[in-house]
PDB file of N, CA and C in Angstrom:
ATOM      1  N   MET A   1      26.154  33.882 -37.419  1.00  0.00           N
ATOM      2  CA  MET A   1      27.373  34.754 -38.032  1.00  0.00           C
ATOM      3  C   MET A   1      26.637  35.960 -39.508  1.00  0.00           C
ATOM      4  N   SER A   2      25.416  35.292 -39.565  1.00  0.00           N
ATOM      5  CA  SER A   2      24.942  36.134 -40.737  1.00  0.00           C
ATOM      6  C   SER A   2      25.496  37.481 -41.105  1.00  0.00           C
ATOM      7  N   GLY A   3      25.551  38.024 -42.143  1.00  0.00           N
ATOM      8  CA  GLY A   3      25.636  39.403 -41.998  1.00  0.00           C
ATOM      9  C   GLY A   3      27.448  39.299 -42.062  1.00  0.00           C
ATOM     10  N   ARG A   4      28.325  38.722 -41.649  1.00  0.00           N
ATOM     11  CA  ARG A   4      29.292  38.684 -41.387  1.00  0.00           C
ATOM     12  C   ARG A   4      30.068  38.686 -42.814  1.00  0.00           C
ATOM     13  N   ARG A   5      31.256  39.428 -43.109  1.00  0.00           N
ATOM     14  CA  ARG A   5      32.420  39.302 -44.001  1.00  0.00           C
ATOM     15  C   ARG A   5      33.647  37.768 -44.097  1.00  0.00           C
ATOM     16  N   LEU A   6      33.706  37.233 -44.138  1.00  0.00           N
ATOM     17  CA  LEU A   6      34.369  35.979 -44.386  1.00  0.00           C
ATOM     18  C   LEU A   6      35.467  35.535 -45.904  1.00  0.00           C
ATOM     19  N   THR A   7      36.696  35.158 -45.223  1.00  0.00           N
ATOM     20  CA  THR A   7      37.482  34.688 -46.388  1.00  0.00           C
ATOM     21  C   THR A   7      37.917  33.164 -46.034  1.00  0.00           C
ATOM     22  N   LEU A   8      37.418  32.320 -46.910  1.00  0.00           N
ATOM     23  CA  LEU A   8      37.737  31.368 -47.149  1.00  0.00           C
ATOM     24  C   LEU A   8      38.465  30.584 -47.701  1.00  0.00           C
ATOM     25  N   THR A   9      38.833  28.993 -47.502  1.00  0.00           N
ATOM     26  CA  THR A   9      39.808  28.462 -48.315  1.00  0.00           C
ATOM     27  C   THR A   9      39.667  26.757 -48.711  1.00  0.00           C
ATOM     28  N   GLY A  10      39.461  26.450 -49.390  1.00  0.00           N
ATOM     29  CA  GLY A  10      38.938  24.736 -49.649  1.00  0.00           C
ATOM     30  C   GLY A  10      38.451  24.698 -50.807  1.00  0.00           C
ATOM     31  N   PHE A  11      38.656  23.485 -51.446  1.00  0.00           N
ATOM     32  CA  PHE A  11      38.665  22.929 -52.741  1.00  0.00           C
ATOM     33  C   PHE A  11      37.250  22.743 -53.112  1.00  0.00           C
ATOM     34  N   VAL A  12      36.580  22.934 -54.450  1.00  0.00           N
ATOM     35  CA  VAL A  12      35.629  22.772 -55.455  1.00  0.00           C
ATOM     36  C   VAL A  12      34.734  21.527 -55.632  1.00  0.00           C
ATOM     37  N   SER A  13      33.839  21.474 -54.685  1.00  0.00           N
ATOM     38  CA  SER A  13      32.541  20.329 -55.289  1.00  0.00           C
ATOM     39  C   SER A  13      31.424  20.887 -55.317  1.00  0.00           C
ATOM     40  N   ILE A  14      30.893  20.008 -56.490  1.00  0.00           N
ATOM     41  CA  ILE A  14      29.415  20.253 -56.627  1.00  0.00           C
ATOM     42  C   ILE A  14      28.426  19.305 -56.518  1.00  0.00           C
ATOM     43  N   GLY A  15      27.499  19.628 -56.198  1.00  0.00           N
ATOM     44  CA  GLY A  15      26.245  19.047 -55.737  1.00  0.00           C
ATOM     45  C   GLY A  15      25.429  18.540 -57.114  1.00  0.00           C
ATOM     46  N   ARG A  16      24.462  17.301 -56.570  1.00  0.00           N
ATOM     47  CA  ARG A  16      23.909  16.514 -57.587  1.00  0.00           C
ATOM     48  C   ARG A  16      23.162  17.592 -58.515  1.00  0.00           C
ATOM     49  N   ASP A  17      22.689  18.753 -57.730  1.00  0.00           N
ATOM     50  CA  ASP A  17      21.868  19.770 -58.301  1.00  0.00           C
ATOM     51  C   ASP A  17      22.887  20.644 -59.176  1.00  0.00           C
ATOM     52  N   GLY A  18      23.847  20.209 -58.889  1.00  0.00           N
ATOM     53  CA  GLY A  18      24.738  21.970 -59.637  1.00  0.00           C
ATOM     54  C   GLY A  18      25.357  22.776 -58.387  1.00  0.00           C
ATOM     55  N   THR A  19      24.528  22.724 -57.430  1.00  0.00           N
ATOM     56  CA  THR A  19      24.919  23.641 -56.327  1.00  0.00           C
ATOM     57  C   THR A  19      26.649  23.655 -56.946  1.00  0.00           C
ATOM     58  N   PRO A  20      27.409  24.921 -56.115  1.00  0.00           N
ATOM     59  CA  PRO A  20      28.271  24.714 -55.920  1.00  0.00           C
ATOM     60  C   PRO A  20      28.679  24.565 -54.870  1.00  0.00           C
ATOM     61  N   PHE A  21      30.274  24.210 -53.708  1.00  0.00           N
ATOM     62  CA  PHE A  21      30.260  24.309 -52.842  1.00  0.00           C
ATOM     63  C   PHE A  21      32.018  24.382 -52.351  1.00  0.00           C
ATOM     64  N   LEU A  22      32.286  25.266 -51.453  1.00  0.00           N
ATOM     65  CA  LEU A  22      33.683  25.007 -51.047  1.00  0.00           C
ATOM     66  C   LEU A  22      33.943  24.252 -50.326  1.00  0.00           C
ATOM     67  N   THR A  23      34.737  23.046 -50.587  1.00  0.00           N
ATOM     68  CA  THR A  23      34.701  22.011 -49.199  1.00  0.00           C
ATOM     69  C   THR A  23      36.407  21.930 -48.786  1.00  0.00           C
ATOM     70  N   ARG A  24      35.873  21.387 -47.339  1.00  0.00           N
ATOM     71  CA  ARG A  24      37.382  21.070 -46.816  1.00  0.00           C
ATOM     72  C   ARG A  24      37.078  19.836 -46.315  1.00  0.00           C
ATOM     73  N   MET A  25      37.759  18.868 -45.837  1.00  0.00           N
ATOM     74  CA  MET A  25      38.097  17.680 -45.368  1.00  0.00           C
ATOM     75  C   MET A  25      38.451  18.082 -43.580  1.00  0.00           C
ATOM     76  N   VAL A  26      37.788  17.168 -42.640  1.00  0.00           N
ATOM     77  CA  VAL A  26      38.217  17.392 -41.039  1.00  0.00           C
ATOM     78  C   VAL A  26      38.321  16.031 -40.583  1.00  0.00           C
ATOM     79  N   LEU A  27      39.462  15.944 -39.746  1.00  0.00           N
ATOM     80  CA  LEU A  27      39.892  14.749 -39.125  1.00  0.00           C
ATOM     81  C   LEU A  27      39.937  15.012 -38.052  1.00  0.00           C
ATOM     82  N   ASN A  28      39.566  13.736 -37.645  1.00  0.00           N
ATOM     83  CA  ASN A  28      39.097  13.468 -36.200  1.00  0.00           C
ATOM     84  C   ASN A  28      41.282  12.630 -35.140  1.00  0.00           C
ATOM     85  N   CYS A  29      41.371  12.051 -36.490  1.00  0.00           N
ATOM     86  CA  CYS A  29      42.573  11.324 -35.947  1.00  0.00           C
ATOM     87  C   CYS A  29      43.492  11.064 -36.922  1.00  0.00           C
ATOM     88  N   CYS A  30      42.717  10.580 -38.509  1.00  0.00           N
ATOM     89  CA  CYS A  30      43.461  10.357 -39.312  1.00  0.00           C
ATOM     90  C   CYS A  30      42.379  10.488 -40.292  1.00  0.00           C
ATOM     91  N   ALA A  31      43.379  10.240 -42.028  1.00  0.00           N
ATOM     92  CA  ALA A  31      42.872  10.264 -42.453  1.00  0.00           C
ATOM     93  C   ALA A  31      41.350   9.420 -43.311  1.00  0.00           C
ATOM     94  N   ALA A  32      41.373   8.126 -42.127  1.00  0.00           N
ATOM     95  CA  ALA A  32      40.335   7.149 -42.272  1.00  0.00           C
ATOM     96  C   ALA A  32      38.958   8.091 -42.309  1.00  0.00           C
ATOM     97  N   ASP A  33      39.096   8.707 -41.237  1.00  0.00           N
ATOM     98  CA  ASP A  33      37.809   9.528 -40.164  1.00  0.00           C
ATOM     99  C   ASP A  33      37.439  10.645 -41.141  1.00  0.00           C
ATOM    100  N   ALA A  34      38.118  11.058 -41.930  1.00  0.00           N
ATOM    101  CA  ALA A  34      37.724  12.589 -42.566  1.00  0.00           C
ATOM    102  C   ALA A  34      36.218  12.263 -43.006  1.00  0.00           C
ATOM    103  N   ARG A  35      35.955  14.443 -43.220  1.00  0.00           N
ATOM    104  CA  ARG A  35      34.464  14.095 -43.050  1.00  0.00           C
ATOM    105  C   ARG A  35      34.340  15.515 -44.151  1.00  0.00           C
ATOM    106  N   PRO A  36      33.390  15.297 -44.908  1.00  0.00           N
ATOM    107  CA  PRO A  36      33.117  17.535 -45.826  1.00  0.00           C
ATOM    108  C   PRO A  36      33.250  17.646 -45.032  1.00  0.00           C
ATOM    109  N   VAL A  37      33.051  19.089 -44.646  1.00  0.00           N
ATOM    110  CA  VAL A  37      32.809  20.332 -44.396  1.00  0.00           C
ATOM    111  C   VAL A  37      32.193  21.148 -45.644  1.00  0.00           C
ATOM    112  N   LYS A  38      31.396  21.671 -45.821  1.00  0.00           N
ATOM    113  CA  LYS A  38      31.213  22.355 -46.811  1.00  0.00           C
ATOM    114  C   LYS A  38      30.527  23.749 -46.753  1.00  0.00           C
ATOM    115  N   ILE A  39      30.280  24.504 -47.514  1.00  0.00           N
ATOM    116  CA  ILE A  39      29.405  25.679 -47.602  1.00  0.00           C
ATOM    117  C   ILE A  39      29.334  26.119 -48.627  1.00  0.00           C
ATOM    118  N   GLY A  40      28.133  26.577 -48.782  1.00  0.00           N
ATOM    119  CA  GLY A  40      27.297  26.558 -50.325  1.00  0.00           C
ATOM    120  C   GLY A  40      27.420  28.116 -50.973  1.00  0.00           C
ATOM    121  N   LEU A  41      27.896  28.402 -52.466  1.00  0.00           N
ATOM    122  CA  LEU A  41      28.466  29.134 -53.057  1.00  0.00           C
ATOM    123  C   LEU A  41      27.519  29.468 -53.735  1.00  0.00           C
ATOM    124  N   THR A  42      27.312  31.164 -53.570  1.00  0.00           N
ATOM    125  CA  THR A  42      26.314  32.219 -54.508  1.00  0.00           C
ATOM    126  C   THR A  42      27.058  33.612 -54.449  1.00  0.00           C
ATOM    127  N   GLY A  43      25.684  34.159 -54.872  1.00  0.00           N
ATOM    128  CA  GLY A  43      26.700  35.506 -55.733  1.00  0.00           C
ATOM    129  C   GLY A  43      27.367  35.141 -56.949  1.00  0.00           C
ATOM    130  N   GLN A  44      28.586  35.872 -56.863  1.00  0.00           N
ATOM    131  CA  GLN A  44      29.781  36.117 -58.112  1.00  0.00           C
ATOM    132  C   GLN A  44      30.794  34.895 -57.813  1.00  0.00           C
ATOM    133  N   VAL A  45      29.842  34.145 -58.074  1.00  0.00           N
ATOM    134  CA  VAL A  45      30.828  32.355 -58.117  1.00  0.00           C
ATOM    135  C   VAL A  45      31.143  32.628 -59.993  1.00  0.00           C
ATOM    136  N   PRO A  46      32.279  32.288 -59.742  1.00  0.00           N
ATOM    137  CA  PRO A  46      33.177  31.922 -61.039  1.00  0.00           C
ATOM    138  C   PRO A  46      32.239  31.033 -62.387  1.00  0.00           C
ATOM    139  N   PRO A  47      31.881  31.458 -63.444  1.00  0.00           N
ATOM    140  CA  PRO A  47      30.909  31.313 -64.752  1.00  0.00           C
ATOM    141  C   PRO A  47      31.513  29.383 -64.626  1.00  0.00           C
ATOM    142  N   VAL A  48      33.099  29.213 -64.531  1.00  0.00           N
ATOM    143  CA  VAL A  48      33.653  27.910 -64.349  1.00  0.00           C
ATOM    144  C   VAL A  48      33.640  27.329 -63.541  1.00  0.00           C
ATOM    145  N   LEU A  49      33.803  26.151 -62.468  1.00  0.00           N
ATOM    146  CA  LEU A  49      33.905  25.852 -61.560  1.00  0.00           C
ATOM    147  C   LEU A  49      34.874  24.375 -61.934  1.00  0.00           C
ATOM    148  N   ARG A  50      35.819  24.419 -61.426  1.00  0.00           N
ATOM    149  CA  ARG A  50      36.585  22.850 -61.798  1.00  0.00           C
ATOM    150  C   ARG A  50      36.206  22.087 -60.508  1.00  0.00           C
ATOM    151  N   PRO A  51      35.792  20.653 -60.398  1.00  0.00           N
ATOM    152  CA  PRO A  51      36.468  19.868 -59.113  1.00  0.00           C
ATOM    153  C   PRO A  51      37.326  20.103 -58.463  1.00  0.00           C
ATOM    154  N   ASP A  52      37.428  19.774 -57.864  1.00  0.00           N
ATOM    155  CA  ASP A  52      38.562  19.783 -57.123  1.00  0.00           C
ATOM    156  C   ASP A  52      39.746  21.087 -57.259  1.00  0.00           C
ATOM    157  N   ALA A  53      39.792  22.456 -57.189  1.00  0.00           N
ATOM    158  CA  ALA A  53      40.405  22.810 -57.914  1.00  0.00           C
ATOM    159  C   ALA A  53      40.286  24.015 -56.598  1.00  0.00           C
ATOM    160  N   TRP A  54      41.472  24.507 -56.054  1.00  0.00           N
ATOM    161  CA  TRP A  54      41.099  24.987 -54.572  1.00  0.00           C
ATOM    162  C   TRP A  54      41.084  26.296 -55.174  1.00  0.00           C
ATOM    163  N   LEU A  55      39.969  26.874 -53.978  1.00  0.00           N
ATOM    164  CA  LEU A  55      39.778  28.796 -54.201  1.00  0.00           C
ATOM    165  C   LEU A  55      39.788  29.529 -52.877  1.00  0.00           C
ATOM    166  N   GLU A  56      40.392  30.762 -52.804  1.00  0.00           N
ATOM    167  CA  GLU A  56      39.967  31.459 -52.054  1.00  0.00           C
ATOM    168  C   GLU A  56      38.625  32.586 -52.013  1.00  0.00           C
ATOM    169  N   VAL A  57      37.804  32.467 -51.318  1.00  0.00           N
ATOM    170  CA  VAL A  57      36.847  32.935 -51.826  1.00  0.00           C
ATOM    171  C   VAL A  57      36.172  33.842 -50.239  1.00  0.00           C
ATOM    172  N   THR A  58      35.882  34.957 -50.415  1.00  0.00           N
ATOM    173  CA  THR A  58      35.521  35.955 -49.727  1.00  0.00           C
ATOM    174  C   THR A  58      33.882  36.486 -49.899  1.00  0.00           C
ATOM    175  N   GLY A  59      32.941  36.696 -49.035  1.00  0.00           N
ATOM    176  CA  GLY A  59      31.790  36.988 -49.309  1.00  0.00           C
ATOM    177  C   GLY A  59      31.194  36.987 -47.666  1.00  0.00           C
ATOM    178  N   ILE A  60      29.485  37.601 -47.902  1.00  0.00           N
ATOM    179  CA  ILE A  60      29.439  37.611 -46.718  1.00  0.00           C
ATOM    180  C   ILE A  60      27.880  36.148 -46.143  1.00  0.00           C
ATOM    181  N   HIS A  61      28.270  35.687 -45.324  1.00  0.00           N
ATOM    182  CA  HIS A  61      27.788  34.352 -44.300  1.00  0.00           C
ATOM    183  C   HIS A  61      26.143  34.743 -44.487  1.00  0.00           C
ATOM    184  N   THR A  62      25.322  33.662 -45.248  1.00  0.00           N
ATOM    185  CA  THR A  62      23.817  34.527 -45.446  1.00  0.00           C
ATOM    186  C   THR A  62      23.227  33.317 -44.118  1.00  0.00           C
ATOM    187  N   PRO A  63      21.826  33.472 -44.108  1.00  0.00           N
ATOM    188  CA  PRO A  63      21.210  32.646 -43.391  1.00  0.00           C
ATOM    189  C   PRO A  63      20.526  31.156 -43.765  1.00  0.00           C
ATOM    190  N   ARG A  64      21.164  31.070 -45.237  1.00  0.00           N
ATOM    191  CA  ARG A  64      20.187  29.906 -45.949  1.00  0.00           C
ATOM    192  C   ARG A  64      21.313  28.850 -45.761  1.00  0.00           C
ATOM    193  N   ARG A  65      20.801  27.686 -45.429  1.00  0.00           N
ATOM    194  CA  ARG A  65      21.299  26.811 -45.187  1.00  0.00           C
ATOM    195  C   ARG A  65      20.273  25.303 -45.969  1.00  0.00           C
ATOM    196  N   ALA A  66      21.424  24.399 -45.815  1.00  0.00           N
ATOM    197  CA  ALA A  66      20.915  22.803 -46.771  1.00  0.00           C
ATOM    198  C   ALA A  66      21.360  21.727 -45.930  1.00  0.00           C
ATOM    199  N   LYS A  67      21.327  20.581 -45.883  1.00  0.00           N
ATOM    200  CA  LYS A  67      21.605  19.682 -45.832  1.00  0.00           C
ATOM    201  C   LYS A  67      22.973  18.790 -46.701  1.00  0.00           C
ATOM    202  N   ASP A  68      23.697  18.179 -45.904  1.00  0.00           N
ATOM    203  CA  ASP A  68      24.786  18.102 -46.963  1.00  0.00           C
ATOM    204  C   ASP A  68      24.010  16.142 -47.215  1.00  0.00           C
ATOM    205  N   PRO A  69      23.884  16.235 -48.238  1.00  0.00           N
ATOM    206  CA  PRO A  69      23.374  14.841 -48.841  1.00  0.00           C
ATOM    207  C   PRO A  69      24.820  13.596 -48.470  1.00  0.00           C
ATOM    208  N   VAL A  70      25.657  13.972 -47.942  1.00  0.00           N
ATOM    209  CA  VAL A  70      27.001  13.134 -47.876  1.00  0.00           C
ATOM    210  C   VAL A  70      26.548  12.498 -46.407  1.00  0.00           C
ATOM    211  N   ASN A  71      27.027  13.488 -45.705  1.00  0.00           N
ATOM    212  CA  ASN A  71      27.082  13.277 -44.177  1.00  0.00           C
ATOM    213  C   ASN A  71      25.652  13.266 -43.294  1.00  0.00           C
ATOM    214  N   ASP A  72      24.556  13.867 -44.001  1.00  0.00           N
ATOM    215  CA  ASP A  72      23.507  15.293 -43.419  1.00  0.00           C
ATOM    216  C   ASP A  72      23.687  16.419 -42.483  1.00  0.00           C
ATOM    217  N   GLY A  73      25.579  16.267 -42.547  1.00  0.00           N
ATOM    218  CA  GLY A  73      25.364  18.024 -41.760  1.00  0.00           C
ATOM    219  C   GLY A  73      24.648  19.235 -42.252  1.00  0.00           C
ATOM    220  N   PRO A  74      25.094  20.166 -41.433  1.00  0.00           N
ATOM    221  CA  PRO A  74      24.297  21.514 -41.805  1.00  0.00           C
ATOM    222  C   PRO A  74      24.839  21.718 -43.408  1.00  0.00           C
ATOM    223  N   VAL A  75      24.754  22.365 -43.892  1.00  0.00           N
ATOM    224  CA  VAL A  75      25.308  23.279 -45.162  1.00  0.00           C
ATOM    225  C   VAL A  75      25.005  25.310 -45.008  1.00  0.00           C
ATOM    226  N   PRO A  76      26.528  25.778 -44.286  1.00  0.00           N
ATOM    227  CA  PRO A  76      25.720  27.601 -44.597  1.00  0.00           C
ATOM    228  C   PRO A  76      26.224  27.385 -45.974  1.00  0.00           C
ATOM    229  N   PHE A  77      25.230  28.814 -46.405  1.00  0.00           N
ATOM    230  CA  PHE A  77      25.843  29.961 -47.534  1.00  0.00           C
ATOM    231  C   PHE A  77      27.147  30.792 -46.962  1.00  0.00           C
ATOM    232  N   LEU A  78      27.398  31.000 -48.328  1.00  0.00           N
ATOM    233  CA  LEU A  78      28.219  32.516 -48.356  1.00  0.00           C
ATOM    234  C   LEU A  78      27.863  33.049 -49.992  1.00  0.00           C
ATOM    235  N   ASP A  79      27.709  34.502 -49.898  1.00  0.00           N
ATOM    236  CA  ASP A  79      27.057  35.212 -51.105  1.00  0.00           C
ATOM    237  C   ASP A  79      28.444  35.796 -51.416  1.00  0.00           C
ATOM    238  N   VAL A  80      29.198  35.142 -52.655  1.00  0.00           N
ATOM    239  CA  VAL A  80      30.458  35.766 -52.387  1.00  0.00           C
ATOM    240  C   VAL A  80      30.591  37.038 -53.350  1.00  0.00           C
ATOM    241  N   SER A  81      31.673  37.533 -52.849  1.00  0.00           N
ATOM    242  CA  SER A  81      31.988  39.115 -53.917  1.00  0.00           C
ATOM    243  C   SER A  81      33.581  38.757 -54.463  1.00  0.00           C
ATOM    244  N   ARG A  82      33.689  38.197 -53.993  1.00  0.00           N
ATOM    245  CA  ARG A  82      35.652  37.430 -54.470  1.00  0.00           C
ATOM    246  C   ARG A  82      35.802  35.920 -54.850  1.00  0.00           C
ATOM    247  N   ALA A  83      36.363  35.633 -55.820  1.00  0.00           N
ATOM    248  CA  ALA A  83      37.245  34.245 -55.514  1.00  0.00           C
ATOM    249  C   ALA A  83      38.213  34.381 -56.598  1.00  0.00           C
ATOM    250  N   ARG A  84      38.904  33.510 -56.227  1.00  0.00           N
ATOM    251  CA  ARG A  84      40.305  33.731 -57.043  1.00  0.00           C
ATOM    252  C   ARG A  84      41.107  31.805 -56.586  1.00  0.00           C
ATOM    253  N   PRO A  85      41.841  31.929 -57.657  1.00  0.00           N
ATOM    254  CA  PRO A  85      42.039  30.264 -57.814  1.00  0.00           C
ATOM    255  C   PRO A  85      43.759  30.474 -56.663  1.00  0.00           C
ATOM    256  N   VAL A  86      43.831  29.303 -55.806  1.00  0.00           N
ATOM    257  CA  VAL A  86      44.946  29.208 -55.096  1.00  0.00           C
ATOM    258  C   VAL A  86      45.305  27.701 -55.202  1.00  0.00           C
ATOM    259  N   ARG A  87      46.716  27.651 -54.520  1.00  0.00           N
ATOM    260  CA  ARG A  87      47.389  26.358 -54.582  1.00  0.00           C
ATOM    261  C   ARG A  87      46.794  25.527 -53.738  1.00  0.00           C
ATOM    262  N   GLU A  88      46.846  24.197 -53.513  1.00  0.00           N
ATOM    263  CA  GLU A  88      46.472  23.158 -52.439  1.00  0.00           C
ATOM    264  C   GLU A  88      47.285  23.822 -50.979  1.00  0.00           C
ATOM    265  N   PRO A  89      46.539  23.929 -50.001  1.00  0.00           N
ATOM    266  CA  PRO A  89      47.422  24.518 -48.757  1.00  0.00           C
ATOM    267  C   PRO A  89      48.793  22.681 -48.711  1.00  0.00           C
ATOM    268  N   ALA A  90      49.669  23.100 -47.813  1.00  0.00           N
ATOM    269  CA  ALA A  90      50.678  22.979 -47.530  1.00  0.00           C
ATOM    270  C   ALA A  90      49.673  21.167 -46.402  1.00  0.00           C
ATOM    271  N   GLN A  91      48.690  22.251 -45.573  1.00  0.00           N
ATOM    272  CA  GLN A  91      47.829  20.826 -44.796  1.00  0.00           C
ATOM    273  C   GLN A  91      46.679  21.345 -45.454  1.00  0.00           C
ATOM    274  N   PRO A  92      46.187  20.328 -46.439  1.00  0.00           N
ATOM    275  CA  PRO A  92      45.090  20.495 -46.747  1.00  0.00           C
ATOM    276  C   PRO A  92      43.675  20.127 -45.949  1.00  0.00           C
ATOM    277  N   TYR A  93      44.049  19.029 -44.953  1.00  0.00           N
ATOM    278  CA  TYR A  93      42.992  19.109 -44.074  1.00  0.00           C
ATOM    279  C   TYR A  93      42.891  19.634 -42.640  1.00  0.00           C
ATOM    280  N   GLU A  94      41.468  20.012 -42.454  1.00  0.00           N
ATOM    281  CA  GLU A  94      41.297  20.795 -40.873  1.00  0.00           C
ATOM    282  C   GLU A  94      41.437  19.905 -39.778  1.00  0.00           C
ATOM    283  N   GLY A  95      41.319  19.921 -38.444  1.00  0.00           N
ATOM    284  CA  GLY A  95      42.301  19.074 -37.195  1.00  0.00           C
ATOM    285  C   GLY A  95      41.229  19.938 -36.104  1.00  0.00           C
TER     286      GLY A  95
END
């Protein structure tokens, strides 16, 4: 997927080291088993990010990877070219 332009929607979360992430919660059966799926954000990220605010971002998928300290899952990165605030979707969880 590296080099592909993507548009994604999620809420802002900030890593312990200050890295901004776009996050969605994925469910297997119910909210009790939800787990975060994160995309690291680089590039033209808004200078002020409010945790839990919803954004739509467009950018290029990069080869950069990190490890999520919450669930040890892989975290890909997006080089953001556009970001805009959006309302929380009616279905904020991914199934």
